[in-house]
Amino acid sequence: MRENAVRVVGRSEVAGRRAQPTGRYRGRSAAERRAERHRRFLDAGLEMFGRGPGYRGTTVAALSEKAGLSTRQFYEEFKTLEDLLAELHLEVNDAAERDVVAALPSVQGLDLAERTARLFRAYAASITADRARIRIAFVEIVGVSPRMDRQRLTRRARWVDFICSEAAAAAERGEIPDRDYRIAATAFIGSINGLLHDWSAGWVDATLDEVIDELVLMLLGRLYAPDRDLPAP
């Protein structure tokens, strides 16, 4: 997880398209103007996918109108709406990853329970800062296409690796048993996805703080669990 995220962003490469202008206009270069236009499409996507009709209920025409740009300009930036959704999903995860990594120095020397709670709260503060981010990360991306499923699972694997790394370090310090925590980490990430999805949809009668507290307790319960054999069925 600590490596820089590889961004898989589809950009349109239409053969024969007229070259983009390179001169300055009103004090801004062509690259700056294009970056601003790209950002406007992303912001419009966040609004419509995350707070409006959703990915499946949005058209290129409606999104372009929301961005205040043309459909021609959309296709100069993205091949499809799926490409835009893919970039938004990576952007939301990248932001959460940066916030967790930035919190690491502040938790050095803390015991496992406090360390885990602070790191998870750093993640949760980022991913839930805007309900639209929750919807992009846990709702709109599900079942879109095999490509998006691969992207979603790849990012989940990064979080699993991070949890396993933190658990291994805690085991070396003698705080928890030395064992393979990959299944537990995977189950925990699945719980985050499911619970935040249901909370976002209004199916969980709880505050966000209560949801976060429950998830932290769930992870700590598995990390601290003693080694034991389960009874035979």
Protein backbone atom coordinates (compact mmCIF):
# COMPACT_ATOMS: atom_id res chain seq x y z
CA MET A 1 0.00 0.00 0.00
CA ARG A 2 2.83 2.42 0.71
CA GLU A 3 3.98 2.52 -2.85
CA ASN A 4 2.55 5.21 -5.09
CA ALA A 5 -0.70 4.00 -6.60
CA VAL A 6 -0.59 3.07 -10.26
CA ARG A 7 -3.35 5.01 -11.90
CA VAL A 8 -5.18 3.14 -14.61
CA VAL A 9 -6.85 6.00 -16.41
CA GLY A 10 -8.24 5.66 -19.89
CA ARG A 11 -7.53 8.63 -22.18
CA SER A 12 -9.01 8.94 -25.64
CA GLU A 13 -6.56 8.45 -28.47
CA VAL A 14 -8.70 8.97 -31.55
CA ALA A 15 -6.75 8.55 -34.78
CA GLY A 16 -6.57 11.62 -36.94
CA ARG A 17 -7.64 14.04 -34.22
CA ARG A 18 -6.44 17.58 -34.66
CA ALA A 19 -3.40 18.37 -32.51
CA GLN A 20 -4.09 20.25 -29.29
CA PRO A 21 -3.08 23.94 -29.28
CA THR A 22 0.10 24.70 -27.37
CA GLY A 23 -0.05 28.52 -27.09
CA ARG A 24 -1.08 30.52 -24.04
CA TYR A 25 -4.57 31.98 -23.73
CA ARG A 26 -5.52 34.48 -21.05
CA GLY A 27 -2.31 33.68 -19.19
CA ARG A 28 -2.77 29.91 -19.17
CA SER A 29 -1.03 27.30 -21.27
CA ALA A 30 -2.87 24.70 -23.31
CA ALA A 31 -1.83 22.04 -20.77
CA GLU A 32 -3.25 24.10 -17.90
CA ARG A 33 -6.53 24.64 -19.73
CA ARG A 34 -6.83 20.96 -20.52
CA ALA A 35 -6.08 19.98 -16.91
CA GLU A 36 -8.81 22.34 -15.74
CA ARG A 37 -11.24 20.85 -18.23
CA HIS A 38 -10.33 17.31 -17.11
CA ARG A 39 -10.94 18.32 -13.51
CA ARG A 40 -14.32 19.77 -14.35
CA PHE A 41 -15.41 16.47 -15.85
CA LEU A 42 -14.18 14.61 -12.75
CA ASP A 43 -16.03 16.99 -10.44
CA ALA A 44 -19.19 16.60 -12.51
CA GLY A 45 -18.77 12.82 -12.34
CA LEU A 46 -18.37 12.89 -8.58
CA GLU A 47 -21.54 14.95 -8.31
CA MET A 48 -23.65 12.85 -10.66
CA PHE A 49 -22.30 9.41 -9.78
CA GLY A 50 -21.99 10.16 -6.07
CA ARG A 51 -24.96 12.40 -5.32
CA GLY A 52 -27.15 12.33 -8.41
CA PRO A 53 -28.59 9.58 -10.59
CA GLY A 54 -25.48 7.39 -10.25
CA TYR A 55 -23.18 5.94 -12.85
CA ARG A 56 -25.84 3.83 -14.55
CA GLY A 57 -28.28 6.72 -14.67
CA THR A 58 -25.85 9.25 -16.18
CA THR A 59 -25.29 9.98 -19.86
CA VAL A 60 -22.30 11.65 -21.48
CA ALA A 61 -24.56 14.50 -22.55
CA ALA A 62 -25.91 15.08 -19.04
CA LEU A 63 -22.45 14.89 -17.47
CA SER A 64 -21.01 17.29 -20.03
CA GLU A 65 -23.82 19.73 -19.36
CA LYS A 66 -23.12 19.46 -15.62
CA ALA A 67 -19.45 20.23 -16.28
CA GLY A 68 -20.38 23.16 -18.52
CA LEU A 69 -18.50 21.58 -21.41
CA SER A 70 -19.36 19.81 -24.64
CA THR A 71 -19.61 16.12 -25.41
CA ARG A 72 -16.83 16.62 -27.94
CA GLN A 73 -14.60 17.86 -25.13
CA PHE A 74 -15.60 14.85 -23.01
CA TYR A 75 -14.39 12.45 -25.68
CA GLU A 76 -11.12 14.35 -25.90
CA GLU A 77 -10.54 13.41 -22.23
CA PHE A 78 -12.20 9.99 -21.82
CA LYS A 79 -13.24 7.15 -24.05
CA THR A 80 -16.26 6.24 -21.94
CA LEU A 81 -18.06 7.11 -18.73
CA GLU A 82 -16.49 3.96 -17.29
CA ASP A 83 -13.05 5.51 -17.75
CA LEU A 84 -14.17 8.51 -15.74
CA LEU A 85 -15.60 6.27 -13.00
CA ALA A 86 -12.33 4.31 -12.93
CA GLU A 87 -10.33 7.48 -12.39
CA LEU A 88 -12.67 8.68 -9.64
CA HIS A 89 -12.43 5.32 -7.85
CA LEU A 90 -8.63 5.46 -7.92
CA GLU A 91 -8.66 9.09 -6.82
CA VAL A 92 -10.80 8.31 -3.76
CA ASN A 93 -8.57 5.38 -2.79
CA ASP A 94 -5.37 7.32 -3.45
CA ALA A 95 -6.52 10.10 -1.13
CA ALA A 96 -7.32 7.64 1.66
CA GLU A 97 -3.98 5.90 1.17
CA ARG A 98 -2.07 9.17 1.37
CA ASP A 99 -3.87 10.11 4.59
CA VAL A 100 -3.11 6.76 6.23
CA VAL A 101 0.56 6.90 5.23
CA ALA A 102 0.76 10.50 6.47
CA ALA A 103 -0.60 9.33 9.85
CA LEU A 104 2.07 6.64 10.31
CA PRO A 105 4.69 8.90 11.97
CA SER A 106 2.15 10.08 14.55
CA VAL A 107 1.36 6.53 15.74
CA GLN A 108 4.93 5.32 16.23
CA GLY A 109 5.38 3.93 19.73
CA LEU A 110 1.66 3.55 20.45
CA ASP A 111 0.21 0.22 21.50
CA LEU A 112 -1.58 -1.85 18.89
CA ALA A 113 -5.12 -0.88 19.89
CA GLU A 114 -4.47 2.86 19.76
CA ARG A 115 -2.34 2.58 16.65
CA THR A 116 -5.00 0.56 14.82
CA ALA A 117 -7.79 2.91 15.84
CA ARG A 118 -5.93 6.02 14.71
CA LEU A 119 -4.87 4.57 11.38
CA PHE A 120 -8.34 3.31 10.61
CA ARG A 121 -9.85 6.63 11.58
CA ALA A 122 -7.45 8.37 9.19
CA TYR A 123 -8.73 6.08 6.46
CA ALA A 124 -12.35 6.55 7.44
CA ALA A 125 -12.03 10.34 7.71
CA SER A 126 -10.84 10.45 4.10
CA ILE A 127 -13.17 7.91 2.55
CA THR A 128 -16.25 9.32 4.34
CA ALA A 129 -15.39 13.02 4.08
CA ASP A 130 -18.06 13.24 1.41
CA ARG A 131 -20.94 10.78 0.97
CA ALA A 132 -20.21 10.89 -2.74
CA ARG A 133 -16.82 9.29 -2.06
CA ILE A 134 -18.47 6.41 -0.19
CA ARG A 135 -20.84 5.85 -3.09
CA ILE A 136 -18.01 5.92 -5.63
CA ALA A 137 -15.82 3.56 -3.59
CA PHE A 138 -18.40 1.03 -2.40
CA VAL A 139 -21.57 1.30 -4.49
CA GLU A 140 -21.26 2.62 -8.03
CA ILE A 141 -18.19 0.58 -8.99
CA VAL A 142 -19.68 -2.80 -8.07
CA GLY A 143 -20.68 -4.98 -11.01
CA VAL A 144 -19.93 -2.42 -13.71
CA SER A 145 -17.62 -4.64 -15.75
CA PRO A 146 -14.88 -7.28 -15.36
CA ARG A 147 -12.30 -4.51 -15.78
CA MET A 148 -13.76 -2.48 -12.92
CA ASP A 149 -14.06 -5.58 -10.73
CA ARG A 150 -10.34 -6.22 -11.28
CA GLN A 151 -9.51 -2.63 -10.35
CA ARG A 152 -11.67 -2.81 -7.23
CA LEU A 153 -10.11 -6.10 -6.11
CA THR A 154 -6.60 -4.82 -6.85
CA ARG A 155 -7.13 -1.84 -4.57
CA ARG A 156 -8.63 -4.07 -1.88
CA ALA A 157 -5.50 -6.24 -2.08
CA ARG A 158 -3.34 -3.19 -1.38
CA TRP A 159 -5.25 -2.55 1.85
CA VAL A 160 -4.99 -6.24 2.81
CA ASP A 161 -1.22 -6.06 2.30
CA PHE A 162 -1.02 -2.98 4.51
CA ILE A 163 -2.97 -4.62 7.34
CA CYS A 164 -0.81 -7.73 7.10
CA SER A 165 2.33 -5.60 7.24
CA GLU A 166 1.10 -3.79 10.35
CA ALA A 167 0.10 -7.10 11.97
CA ALA A 168 3.51 -8.62 11.22
CA ALA A 169 5.24 -5.63 12.84
CA ALA A 170 2.99 -5.97 15.92
CA ALA A 171 3.80 -9.69 16.11
CA GLU A 172 7.52 -8.91 16.04
CA ARG A 173 6.98 -6.58 18.99
CA GLY A 174 5.23 -9.40 20.85
CA GLU A 175 1.84 -7.65 20.94
CA ILE A 176 -0.09 -10.36 19.09
CA PRO A 177 0.49 -13.98 18.07
CA ASP A 178 2.82 -14.54 15.14
CA ARG A 179 0.58 -16.03 12.45
CA ASP A 180 -0.79 -15.38 8.99
CA TYR A 181 -3.39 -12.60 9.18
CA ARG A 182 -4.26 -12.47 5.47
CA ILE A 183 -7.65 -14.17 5.81
CA ALA A 184 -8.55 -11.93 8.76
CA ALA A 185 -7.43 -8.82 6.85
CA THR A 186 -9.44 -9.85 3.79
CA ALA A 187 -12.53 -10.48 5.92
CA PHE A 188 -12.09 -7.08 7.56
CA ILE A 189 -11.83 -5.27 4.22
CA GLY A 190 -14.96 -7.09 3.08
CA SER A 191 -16.71 -5.93 6.23
CA ILE A 192 -15.73 -2.32 5.53
CA ASN A 193 -17.09 -2.55 2.00
CA GLY A 194 -20.32 -4.18 3.04
CA LEU A 195 -21.02 -2.06 6.11
CA LEU A 196 -20.22 1.28 4.49
CA HIS A 197 -22.26 0.29 1.44
CA ASP A 198 -25.27 -0.53 3.61
CA TRP A 199 -24.78 2.54 5.82
CA SER A 200 -24.60 4.76 2.74
CA ALA A 201 -27.80 3.18 1.40
CA GLY A 202 -29.59 3.91 4.68
CA TRP A 203 -29.92 0.26 5.67
CA VAL A 204 -27.91 0.59 8.89
CA ASP A 205 -29.46 2.61 11.71
CA ALA A 206 -26.27 4.01 13.23
CA THR A 207 -24.08 7.07 13.15
CA LEU A 208 -20.90 7.02 11.13
CA ASP A 209 -18.86 7.13 14.36
CA GLU A 210 -20.70 4.02 15.61
CA VAL A 211 -19.98 2.22 12.35
CA ILE A 212 -16.28 3.12 12.55
CA ASP A 213 -16.04 2.06 16.21
CA GLU A 214 -17.62 -1.30 15.38
CA LEU A 215 -15.17 -1.93 12.56
CA VAL A 216 -12.17 -1.06 14.75
CA LEU A 217 -13.40 -3.44 17.47
CA MET A 218 -13.90 -6.15 14.86
CA LEU A 219 -10.31 -5.88 13.62
CA LEU A 220 -8.80 -5.69 17.09
CA GLY A 221 -10.82 -8.70 18.21
CA ARG A 222 -9.26 -10.81 15.48
CA LEU A 223 -5.74 -9.46 15.97
CA TYR A 224 -5.81 -10.15 19.71
CA ALA A 225 -7.56 -13.52 19.43
CA PRO A 226 -5.43 -16.31 20.94
CA ASP A 227 -4.37 -19.23 18.80
CA ARG A 228 -6.76 -22.14 19.21
CA ASP A 229 -8.17 -25.03 17.25
CA LEU A 230 -11.83 -24.82 16.30
CA PRO A 231 -14.02 -27.74 17.42
CA ALA A 232 -14.60 -30.42 14.82
CA PRO A 233 -17.97 -30.16 13.03
